PDB file of N, CA and C in Angstrom:
ATOM      1  N   MET A   1      89.718 114.915  86.003  1.00  0.00           N
ATOM      2  CA  MET A   1      88.784 115.339  85.450  1.00  0.00           C
ATOM      3  C   MET A   1      88.689 113.186  84.695  1.00  0.00           C
ATOM      4  N   LEU A   2      87.666 113.288  84.762  1.00  0.00           N
ATOM      5  CA  LEU A   2      87.845 111.894  84.103  1.00  0.00           C
ATOM      6  C   LEU A   2      87.673 111.352  82.305  1.00  0.00           C
ATOM      7  N   GLN A   3      88.833 110.452  82.439  1.00  0.00           N
ATOM      8  CA  GLN A   3      88.750 110.458  80.748  1.00  0.00           C
ATOM      9  C   GLN A   3      87.614 109.942  79.898  1.00  0.00           C
ATOM     10  N   THR A   4      87.569 110.290  79.202  1.00  0.00           N
ATOM     11  CA  THR A   4      86.563 109.282  78.399  1.00  0.00           C
ATOM     12  C   THR A   4      86.364 107.527  77.801  1.00  0.00           C
ATOM     13  N   GLY A   5      85.644 107.268  78.195  1.00  0.00           N
ATOM     14  CA  GLY A   5      85.426 105.832  77.937  1.00  0.00           C
ATOM     15  C   GLY A   5      85.755 104.888  79.287  1.00  0.00           C
ATOM     16  N   ILE A   6      85.962 105.534  80.324  1.00  0.00           N
ATOM     17  CA  ILE A   6      85.890 105.315  81.830  1.00  0.00           C
ATOM     18  C   ILE A   6      85.027 104.977  82.527  1.00  0.00           C
ATOM     19  N   MET A   7      84.399 103.764  82.618  1.00  0.00           N
ATOM     20  CA  MET A   7      83.295 103.470  83.488  1.00  0.00           C
ATOM     21  C   MET A   7      83.579 103.563  85.074  1.00  0.00           C
ATOM     22  N   ILE A   8      82.468 104.558  85.631  1.00  0.00           N
ATOM     23  CA  ILE A   8      82.480 104.542  87.204  1.00  0.00           C
ATOM     24  C   ILE A   8      81.667 103.902  88.107  1.00  0.00           C
ATOM     25  N   THR A   9      81.306 103.407  88.793  1.00  0.00           N
ATOM     26  CA  THR A   9      80.407 102.960  89.963  1.00  0.00           C
ATOM     27  C   THR A   9      79.397 103.661  90.875  1.00  0.00           C
ATOM     28  N   GLU A  10      78.532 103.689  91.246  1.00  0.00           N
ATOM     29  CA  GLU A  10      77.991 104.260  92.039  1.00  0.00           C
ATOM     30  C   GLU A  10      78.906 104.514  93.224  1.00  0.00           C
ATOM     31  N   ASN A  11      79.156 103.800  94.052  1.00  0.00           N
ATOM     32  CA  ASN A  11      80.839 103.608  94.842  1.00  0.00           C
ATOM     33  C   ASN A  11      81.079 104.533  94.317  1.00  0.00           C
ATOM     34  N   ASP A  12      82.144 104.308  93.016  1.00  0.00           N
ATOM     35  CA  ASP A  12      82.680 105.166  92.990  1.00  0.00           C
ATOM     36  C   ASP A  12      82.721 107.128  93.647  1.00  0.00           C
ATOM     37  N   VAL A  13      80.993 107.362  92.884  1.00  0.00           N
ATOM     38  CA  VAL A  13      80.714 108.509  92.894  1.00  0.00           C
ATOM     39  C   VAL A  13      80.461 108.643  94.540  1.00  0.00           C
ATOM     40  N   VAL A  14      80.474 107.846  95.425  1.00  0.00           N
ATOM     41  CA  VAL A  14      79.742 108.027  96.903  1.00  0.00           C
ATOM     42  C   VAL A  14      81.265 108.452  97.251  1.00  0.00           C
ATOM     43  N   ASP A  15      82.681 107.250  97.347  1.00  0.00           N
ATOM     44  CA  ASP A  15      84.259 108.245  96.849  1.00  0.00           C
ATOM     45  C   ASP A  15      83.859 109.324  96.862  1.00  0.00           C
ATOM     46  N   ILE A  16      83.865 109.733  95.465  1.00  0.00           N
ATOM     47  CA  ILE A  16      84.668 111.178  95.515  1.00  0.00           C
ATOM     48  C   ILE A  16      83.515 112.355  96.167  1.00  0.00           C
ATOM     49  N   VAL A  17      82.448 112.110  96.099  1.00  0.00           N
ATOM     50  CA  VAL A  17      81.401 113.248  96.281  1.00  0.00           C
ATOM     51  C   VAL A  17      82.017 113.149  98.011  1.00  0.00           C
ATOM     52  N   ILE A  18      82.406 112.374  98.877  1.00  0.00           N
ATOM     53  CA  ILE A  18      82.567 112.521 100.289  1.00  0.00           C
ATOM     54  C   ILE A  18      84.403 112.924 100.474  1.00  0.00           C
ATOM     55  N   LEU A  19      84.779 112.463  99.650  1.00  0.00           N
ATOM     56  CA  LEU A  19      86.560 113.317  99.458  1.00  0.00           C
ATOM     57  C   LEU A  19      86.108 114.810  99.006  1.00  0.00           C
ATOM     58  N   LYS A  20      84.948 115.706  98.315  1.00  0.00           N
ATOM     59  CA  LYS A  20      84.777 116.754  97.997  1.00  0.00           C
ATOM     60  C   LYS A  20      84.944 117.511  99.704  1.00  0.00           C
ATOM     61  N   LEU A  21      83.731 117.076 100.244  1.00  0.00           N
ATOM     62  CA  LEU A  21      82.953 116.958 101.330  1.00  0.00           C
ATOM     63  C   LEU A  21      83.736 117.125 102.536  1.00  0.00           C
ATOM     64  N   LYS A  22      84.364 116.346 102.513  1.00  0.00           N
ATOM     65  CA  LYS A  22      85.547 116.357 103.596  1.00  0.00           C
ATOM     66  C   LYS A  22      86.565 117.743 103.286  1.00  0.00           C
ATOM     67  N   LYS A  23      86.830 118.163 102.213  1.00  0.00           N
ATOM     68  CA  LYS A  23      87.947 119.226 101.777  1.00  0.00           C
ATOM     69  C   LYS A  23      87.012 120.191 102.030  1.00  0.00           C
ATOM     70  N   LEU A  24      85.872 120.453 101.790  1.00  0.00           N
ATOM     71  CA  LEU A  24      85.126 121.398 102.322  1.00  0.00           C
ATOM     72  C   LEU A  24      84.805 121.210 103.854  1.00  0.00           C
ATOM     73  N   ASP A  25      85.130 120.961 104.700  1.00  0.00           N
ATOM     74  CA  ASP A  25      85.666 120.778 105.901  1.00  0.00           C
ATOM     75  C   ASP A  25      84.156 120.256 106.462  1.00  0.00           C
ATOM     76  N   PHE A  26      83.136 119.302 105.451  1.00  0.00           N
ATOM     77  CA  PHE A  26      82.487 119.019 106.218  1.00  0.00           C
ATOM     78  C   PHE A  26      83.070 117.224 106.856  1.00  0.00           C
ATOM     79  N   GLU A  27      82.096 117.265 108.439  1.00  0.00           N
ATOM     80  CA  GLU A  27      82.428 115.686 109.148  1.00  0.00           C
ATOM     81  C   GLU A  27      81.317 114.574 108.091  1.00  0.00           C
ATOM     82  N   LEU A  28      81.888 113.842 108.043  1.00  0.00           N
ATOM     83  CA  LEU A  28      80.952 112.816 107.836  1.00  0.00           C
ATOM     84  C   LEU A  28      80.750 111.854 108.932  1.00  0.00           C
ATOM     85  N   ILE A  29      79.101 111.761 108.786  1.00  0.00           N
ATOM     86  CA  ILE A  29      78.422 110.864 109.729  1.00  0.00           C
ATOM     87  C   ILE A  29      78.703 109.479 109.299  1.00  0.00           C
ATOM     88  N   SER A  30      77.745 108.990 108.678  1.00  0.00           N
ATOM     89  CA  SER A  30      77.504 108.066 107.987  1.00  0.00           C
ATOM     90  C   SER A  30      77.721 108.137 106.333  1.00  0.00           C
ATOM     91  N   SER A  31      77.732 106.609 105.669  1.00  0.00           N
ATOM     92  CA  SER A  31      77.999 106.618 104.501  1.00  0.00           C
ATOM     93  C   SER A  31      77.315 105.266 103.909  1.00  0.00           C
ATOM     94  N   CYS A  32      76.644 104.790 102.945  1.00  0.00           N
ATOM     95  CA  CYS A  32      76.642 103.474 102.624  1.00  0.00           C
ATOM     96  C   CYS A  32      76.662 103.512 101.032  1.00  0.00           C
ATOM     97  N   TYR A  33      77.384 101.895 100.677  1.00  0.00           N
ATOM     98  CA  TYR A  33      77.111 101.726  99.569  1.00  0.00           C
ATOM     99  C   TYR A  33      76.082 101.129  98.523  1.00  0.00           C
ATOM    100  N   THR A  34      75.813 100.748  98.024  1.00  0.00           N
ATOM    101  CA  THR A  34      75.246  99.549  97.038  1.00  0.00           C
ATOM    102  C   THR A  34      74.696  98.821  97.960  1.00  0.00           C
ATOM    103  N   ASP A  35      75.498  98.329  98.453  1.00  0.00           N
ATOM    104  CA  ASP A  35      75.018  96.653  99.020  1.00  0.00           C
ATOM    105  C   ASP A  35      74.269  96.780 100.683  1.00  0.00           C
ATOM    106  N   VAL A  36      74.771  98.051 100.505  1.00  0.00           N
ATOM    107  CA  VAL A  36      73.438  98.297 101.996  1.00  0.00           C
ATOM    108  C   VAL A  36      72.037  99.719 101.291  1.00  0.00           C
ATOM    109  N   LYS A  37      71.350  99.700 102.055  1.00  0.00           N
ATOM    110  CA  LYS A  37      69.780 100.116 101.709  1.00  0.00           C
ATOM    111  C   LYS A  37      70.259 101.577 102.600  1.00  0.00           C
ATOM    112  N   GLY A  38      69.694 102.344 102.246  1.00  0.00           N
ATOM    113  CA  GLY A  38      70.159 104.008 103.071  1.00  0.00           C
ATOM    114  C   GLY A  38      70.055 105.028 102.225  1.00  0.00           C
ATOM    115  N   VAL A  39      70.334 106.070 103.194  1.00  0.00           N
ATOM    116  CA  VAL A  39      70.871 107.537 102.520  1.00  0.00           C
ATOM    117  C   VAL A  39      72.450 106.958 102.500  1.00  0.00           C
ATOM    118  N   ASP A  40      72.988 107.617 101.200  1.00  0.00           N
ATOM    119  CA  ASP A  40      74.533 107.322 100.180  1.00  0.00           C
ATOM    120  C   ASP A  40      75.244 107.863 101.158  1.00  0.00           C
ATOM    121  N   ILE A  41      75.331 109.401 101.798  1.00  0.00           N
ATOM    122  CA  ILE A  41      76.096 110.151 102.451  1.00  0.00           C
ATOM    123  C   ILE A  41      75.128 110.865 103.534  1.00  0.00           C
ATOM    124  N   ILE A  42      75.673 111.114 105.134  1.00  0.00           N
ATOM    125  CA  ILE A  42      75.217 111.879 105.973  1.00  0.00           C
ATOM    126  C   ILE A  42      75.978 112.495 106.236  1.00  0.00           C
ATOM    127  N   THR A  43      76.237 113.968 106.345  1.00  0.00           N
ATOM    128  CA  THR A  43      77.614 114.865 106.699  1.00  0.00           C
ATOM    129  C   THR A  43      76.782 115.785 107.315  1.00  0.00           C
ATOM    130  N   LYS A  44      77.898 116.882 108.124  1.00  0.00           N
ATOM    131  CA  LYS A  44      77.560 118.070 108.677  1.00  0.00           C
ATOM    132  C   LYS A  44      78.223 119.313 108.900  1.00  0.00           C
ATOM    133  N   LYS A  45      78.002 120.604 108.858  1.00  0.00           N
ATOM    134  CA  LYS A  45      78.558 121.678 108.724  1.00  0.00           C
ATOM    135  C   LYS A  45      77.974 122.512 110.134  1.00  0.00           C
ATOM    136  N   ASP A  46      78.718 123.261 111.079  1.00  0.00           N
ATOM    137  CA  ASP A  46      77.988 124.569 111.563  1.00  0.00           C
ATOM    138  C   ASP A  46      76.558 123.387 112.098  1.00  0.00           C
ATOM    139  N   ASN A  47      75.804 124.380 111.625  1.00  0.00           N
ATOM    140  CA  ASN A  47      74.589 123.699 112.047  1.00  0.00           C
ATOM    141  C   ASN A  47      73.942 122.846 110.776  1.00  0.00           C
ATOM    142  N   TYR A  48      74.048 122.606 110.138  1.00  0.00           N
ATOM    143  CA  TYR A  48      73.427 121.877 108.646  1.00  0.00           C
ATOM    144  C   TYR A  48      73.729 120.104 108.275  1.00  0.00           C
ATOM    145  N   LYS A  49      73.004 119.723 108.004  1.00  0.00           N
ATOM    146  CA  LYS A  49      72.615 118.570 108.250  1.00  0.00           C
ATOM    147  C   LYS A  49      72.922 117.971 106.384  1.00  0.00           C
ATOM    148  N   ILE A  50      73.431 117.434 105.500  1.00  0.00           N
ATOM    149  CA  ILE A  50      73.688 116.682 103.969  1.00  0.00           C
ATOM    150  C   ILE A  50      72.915 115.227 104.543  1.00  0.00           C
ATOM    151  N   LEU A  51      71.626 114.928 103.523  1.00  0.00           N
ATOM    152  CA  LEU A  51      72.125 114.186 103.501  1.00  0.00           C
ATOM    153  C   LEU A  51      71.618 113.775 101.736  1.00  0.00           C
ATOM    154  N   ILE A  52      72.315 113.131 101.333  1.00  0.00           N
ATOM    155  CA  ILE A  52      72.863 112.894  99.923  1.00  0.00           C
ATOM    156  C   ILE A  52      72.449 111.446  99.104  1.00  0.00           C
TER     157      ILE A  52
END
């Protein structure tokens, strides 16, 4: 858990979500940070494709 008063960026959130999805055996297809316009995270597992 994050400590009180620590600021994280949108890019930090993207990285954290990617790590969690990988632990759940999702395959990362692509990711975008704040310097690129688009879907932040595209991942898949089995017959499911998730866009975040």
